[in-house]
């Protein structure tokens, strides 16, 4: 359903949110280790997420990646997905047709309208705080 980059981005965001609940900033190396992702790949994902204001980062000896307490509630799973994969999950044709829309629907278009609305509602309604609170303290959930 999501690209590999997006899957790692979601896991990284949850890990950072979990640490932010403890008011900790985390390094890209720590994040990569926690989610079992290559460091260089993780760096590119984190750069994308900070550029789109999904995550925050500070440089220097006390720096790292983090979320403000307000951001934990405001940043939704949908924000992470759009930052990395775009909104194609809910906008593109399920059959890959270029001109599929309400006025020129593909054979599956109308069947997926309700499903897409429910997916959007779930993704837009799920905060990083909720996900961070649901993850076990052992972080095992974030690794494959």
C-alpha atoms as a PDB file:
ATOM      1  CA  UNK A   1       0.000   0.000   0.000  1.00  0.00           C
ATOM      2  CA  UNK A   2       2.876   2.393   0.852  1.00  0.00           C
ATOM      3  CA  UNK A   3       6.349   2.689  -0.635  1.00  0.00           C
ATOM      4  CA  UNK A   4       9.303   1.346   1.344  1.00  0.00           C
ATOM      5  CA  UNK A   5      10.353   4.963   2.020  1.00  0.00           C
ATOM      6  CA  UNK A   6       6.923   5.724   3.419  1.00  0.00           C
ATOM      7  CA  UNK A   7       6.942   2.642   5.647  1.00  0.00           C
ATOM      8  CA  UNK A   8      10.302   3.687   7.100  1.00  0.00           C
ATOM      9  CA  UNK A   9       9.064   7.276   7.405  1.00  0.00           C
ATOM     10  CA  UNK A  10       6.041   6.153   9.383  1.00  0.00           C
ATOM     11  CA  UNK A  11       8.163   4.000  11.688  1.00  0.00           C
ATOM     12  CA  UNK A  12      10.730   6.784  12.143  1.00  0.00           C
ATOM     13  CA  UNK A  13       7.988   9.308  12.925  1.00  0.00           C
ATOM     14  CA  UNK A  14       6.432   6.991  15.503  1.00  0.00           C
ATOM     15  CA  UNK A  15       9.833   6.378  17.102  1.00  0.00           C
ATOM     16  CA  UNK A  16      10.562  10.117  17.260  1.00  0.00           C
ATOM     17  CA  UNK A  17       7.088  10.771  18.683  1.00  0.00           C
ATOM     18  CA  UNK A  18       7.642   8.090  21.330  1.00  0.00           C
ATOM     19  CA  UNK A  19      10.926   9.704  22.352  1.00  0.00           C
ATOM     20  CA  UNK A  20       9.360  13.176  22.227  1.00  0.00           C
ATOM     21  CA  UNK A  21       6.800  12.034  24.804  1.00  0.00           C
ATOM     22  CA  UNK A  22       9.834  11.660  27.085  1.00  0.00           C
ATOM     23  CA  UNK A  23      11.123  15.064  25.858  1.00  0.00           C
ATOM     24  CA  UNK A  24      14.125  13.406  24.179  1.00  0.00           C
ATOM     25  CA  UNK A  25      15.733  14.432  20.899  1.00  0.00           C
ATOM     26  CA  UNK A  26      17.138  11.552  18.882  1.00  0.00           C
ATOM     27  CA  UNK A  27      19.926  11.254  16.333  1.00  0.00           C
ATOM     28  CA  UNK A  28      19.471   9.840  12.857  1.00  0.00           C
ATOM     29  CA  UNK A  29      21.753   6.939  13.834  1.00  0.00           C
ATOM     30  CA  UNK A  30      19.543   6.072  16.808  1.00  0.00           C
ATOM     31  CA  UNK A  31      16.435   6.281  14.633  1.00  0.00           C
ATOM     32  CA  UNK A  32      17.961   4.075  11.925  1.00  0.00           C
ATOM     33  CA  UNK A  33      18.929   1.462  14.512  1.00  0.00           C
ATOM     34  CA  UNK A  34      15.522   1.577  16.201  1.00  0.00           C
ATOM     35  CA  UNK A  35      13.612   0.968  12.966  1.00  0.00           C
ATOM     36  CA  UNK A  36      16.195  -1.324  11.326  1.00  0.00           C
ATOM     37  CA  UNK A  37      16.750   1.005   8.382  1.00  0.00           C
ATOM     38  CA  UNK A  38      19.981   1.854   6.535  1.00  0.00           C
ATOM     39  CA  UNK A  39      21.408   5.129   7.911  1.00  0.00           C
ATOM     40  CA  UNK A  40      21.735   6.889   4.534  1.00  0.00           C
ATOM     41  CA  UNK A  41      18.181   5.901   3.573  1.00  0.00           C
ATOM     42  CA  UNK A  42      16.907   7.093   6.960  1.00  0.00           C
ATOM     43  CA  UNK A  43      18.730  10.410   6.511  1.00  0.00           C
ATOM     44  CA  UNK A  44      16.937  11.087   3.205  1.00  0.00           C
ATOM     45  CA  UNK A  45      13.570  10.261   4.735  1.00  0.00           C
ATOM     46  CA  UNK A  46      14.192  12.447   7.785  1.00  0.00           C
ATOM     47  CA  UNK A  47      15.280  15.303   5.528  1.00  0.00           C
ATOM     48  CA  UNK A  48      11.996  15.049   3.607  1.00  0.00           C
ATOM     49  CA  UNK A  49       9.968  14.964   6.822  1.00  0.00           C
ATOM     50  CA  UNK A  50      11.710  18.006   8.293  1.00  0.00           C
ATOM     51  CA  UNK A  51      11.487  19.966   5.012  1.00  0.00           C
ATOM     52  CA  UNK A  52       7.713  19.439   4.986  1.00  0.00           C
ATOM     53  CA  UNK A  53       7.461  20.414   8.693  1.00  0.00           C
ATOM     54  CA  UNK A  54       6.249  16.997   9.788  1.00  0.00           C
ATOM     55  CA  UNK A  55       9.267  16.690  12.120  1.00  0.00           C
ATOM     56  CA  UNK A  56      11.594  19.206  13.735  1.00  0.00           C
ATOM     57  CA  UNK A  57      15.341  19.057  14.144  1.00  0.00           C
ATOM     58  CA  UNK A  58      18.122  20.998  15.824  1.00  0.00           C
ATOM     59  CA  UNK A  59      21.805  20.816  15.030  1.00  0.00           C
ATOM     60  CA  UNK A  60      24.629  20.735  17.523  1.00  0.00           C
ATOM     61  CA  UNK A  61      25.591  18.741  20.619  1.00  0.00           C
ATOM     62  CA  UNK A  62      22.063  18.914  22.077  1.00  0.00           C
ATOM     63  CA  UNK A  63      20.392  18.528  18.703  1.00  0.00           C
ATOM     64  CA  UNK A  64      18.398  15.790  17.108  1.00  0.00           C
ATOM     65  CA  UNK A  65      14.950  15.044  15.752  1.00  0.00           C
ATOM     66  CA  UNK A  66      11.854  15.735  17.816  1.00  0.00           C
ATOM     67  CA  UNK A  67       8.249  16.875  17.927  1.00  0.00           C
ATOM     68  CA  UNK A  68       6.860  19.594  20.193  1.00  0.00           C
ATOM     69  CA  UNK A  69       4.094  18.440  22.517  1.00  0.00           C
ATOM     70  CA  UNK A  70       1.545  20.323  20.379  1.00  0.00           C
ATOM     71  CA  UNK A  71       2.923  18.672  17.222  1.00  0.00           C
ATOM     72  CA  UNK A  72       2.353  15.237  18.739  1.00  0.00           C
ATOM     73  CA  UNK A  73      -1.370  15.933  18.533  1.00  0.00           C
ATOM     74  CA  UNK A  74      -1.391  18.053  15.374  1.00  0.00           C
ATOM     75  CA  UNK A  75       0.744  15.875  13.106  1.00  0.00           C
ATOM     76  CA  UNK A  76      -1.335  13.073  11.645  1.00  0.00           C
ATOM     77  CA  UNK A  77      -0.367   9.856   9.933  1.00  0.00           C
ATOM     78  CA  UNK A  78      -1.703  11.374   6.693  1.00  0.00           C
ATOM     79  CA  UNK A  79       0.904  14.186   6.965  1.00  0.00           C
ATOM     80  CA  UNK A  80       3.726  11.638   7.053  1.00  0.00           C
ATOM     81  CA  UNK A  81       2.324   9.734   4.069  1.00  0.00           C
ATOM     82  CA  UNK A  82       1.774  12.847   1.938  1.00  0.00           C
ATOM     83  CA  UNK A  83       5.270  14.152   2.770  1.00  0.00           C
ATOM     84  CA  UNK A  84       6.855  10.997   1.391  1.00  0.00           C
ATOM     85  CA  UNK A  85       4.460   9.376  -1.095  1.00  0.00           C
ATOM     86  CA  UNK A  86       2.159  12.273  -1.966  1.00  0.00           C
ATOM     87  CA  UNK A  87      -1.621  11.955  -1.989  1.00  0.00           C
ATOM     88  CA  UNK A  88      -1.790   9.405  -4.820  1.00  0.00           C
ATOM     89  CA  UNK A  89      -3.035   6.702  -2.473  1.00  0.00           C
ATOM     90  CA  UNK A  90      -6.401   8.410  -2.320  1.00  0.00           C
ATOM     91  CA  UNK A  91      -6.322  10.394  -5.541  1.00  0.00           C
ATOM     92  CA  UNK A  92      -4.922   8.149  -8.266  1.00  0.00           C
ATOM     93  CA  UNK A  93      -7.014   5.681 -10.229  1.00  0.00           C
ATOM     94  CA  UNK A  94      -7.047   2.172  -8.759  1.00  0.00           C
ATOM     95  CA  UNK A  95      -6.482   0.777 -12.267  1.00  0.00           C
ATOM     96  CA  UNK A  96      -3.766   3.291 -13.114  1.00  0.00           C
ATOM     97  CA  UNK A  97      -5.827   5.158 -15.710  1.00  0.00           C
ATOM     98  CA  UNK A  98      -4.803   8.788 -16.250  1.00  0.00           C
ATOM     99  CA  UNK A  99      -8.213  10.356 -16.741  1.00  0.00           C
ATOM    100  CA  UNK A 100     -10.280   8.543 -14.136  1.00  0.00           C
ATOM    101  CA  UNK A 101     -12.523  10.892 -12.129  1.00  0.00           C
ATOM    102  CA  UNK A 102     -16.135  11.449 -11.131  1.00  0.00           C
ATOM    103  CA  UNK A 103     -17.041  12.516 -14.667  1.00  0.00           C
ATOM    104  CA  UNK A 104     -15.049   9.781 -16.429  1.00  0.00           C
ATOM    105  CA  UNK A 105     -14.878   6.937 -13.903  1.00  0.00           C
ATOM    106  CA  UNK A 106     -13.040   3.678 -14.401  1.00  0.00           C
ATOM    107  CA  UNK A 107     -15.006   0.472 -13.645  1.00  0.00           C
ATOM    108  CA  UNK A 108     -13.813   0.532  -9.995  1.00  0.00           C
ATOM    109  CA  UNK A 109     -14.027   4.271  -9.316  1.00  0.00           C
ATOM    110  CA  UNK A 110     -17.449   4.393  -7.687  1.00  0.00           C
ATOM    111  CA  UNK A 111     -16.797   1.247  -5.644  1.00  0.00           C
ATOM    112  CA  UNK A 112     -13.722   2.841  -4.087  1.00  0.00           C
ATOM    113  CA  UNK A 113     -15.216   6.243  -3.229  1.00  0.00           C
ATOM    114  CA  UNK A 114     -16.501   5.091   0.179  1.00  0.00           C
ATOM    115  CA  UNK A 115     -13.393   3.009   0.925  1.00  0.00           C
ATOM    116  CA  UNK A 116     -11.107   5.948   0.157  1.00  0.00           C
ATOM    117  CA  UNK A 117     -13.201   8.258   2.336  1.00  0.00           C
ATOM    118  CA  UNK A 118     -12.874   5.828   5.251  1.00  0.00           C
ATOM    119  CA  UNK A 119      -9.121   5.455   4.730  1.00  0.00           C
ATOM    120  CA  UNK A 120      -8.684   9.231   4.562  1.00  0.00           C
ATOM    121  CA  UNK A 121     -10.734   9.699   7.734  1.00  0.00           C
ATOM    122  CA  UNK A 122      -8.589   7.149   9.576  1.00  0.00           C
ATOM    123  CA  UNK A 123      -5.268   8.546   8.365  1.00  0.00           C
ATOM    124  CA  UNK A 124      -6.253  12.182   8.972  1.00  0.00           C
ATOM    125  CA  UNK A 125      -7.645  11.318  12.407  1.00  0.00           C
ATOM    126  CA  UNK A 126      -4.662   9.363  13.716  1.00  0.00           C
ATOM    127  CA  UNK A 127      -2.102  11.510  15.520  1.00  0.00           C
ATOM    128  CA  UNK A 128       1.533  10.653  16.098  1.00  0.00           C
ATOM    129  CA  UNK A 129       0.817  10.904  19.844  1.00  0.00           C
ATOM    130  CA  UNK A 130      -1.780   8.129  19.552  1.00  0.00           C
ATOM    131  CA  UNK A 131       0.584   5.917  17.562  1.00  0.00           C
ATOM    132  CA  UNK A 132       3.499   6.585  19.936  1.00  0.00           C
ATOM    133  CA  UNK A 133       1.366   5.706  22.949  1.00  0.00           C
ATOM    134  CA  UNK A 134       0.249   2.473  21.296  1.00  0.00           C
ATOM    135  CA  UNK A 135       3.766   1.220  20.551  1.00  0.00           C
ATOM    136  CA  UNK A 136       5.292  -1.102  23.138  1.00  0.00           C
ATOM    137  CA  UNK A 137       8.197   0.265  25.140  1.00  0.00           C
ATOM    138  CA  UNK A 138      10.470  -2.421  23.696  1.00  0.00           C
ATOM    139  CA  UNK A 139      10.231  -0.766  20.245  1.00  0.00           C
ATOM    140  CA  UNK A 140       9.886  -4.257  18.792  1.00  0.00           C
ATOM    141  CA  UNK A 141       6.806  -3.144  16.893  1.00  0.00           C
ATOM    142  CA  UNK A 142       8.894  -0.743  14.834  1.00  0.00           C
ATOM    143  CA  UNK A 143      11.294  -3.382  13.539  1.00  0.00           C
ATOM    144  CA  UNK A 144      10.478  -6.087  11.024  1.00  0.00           C
END
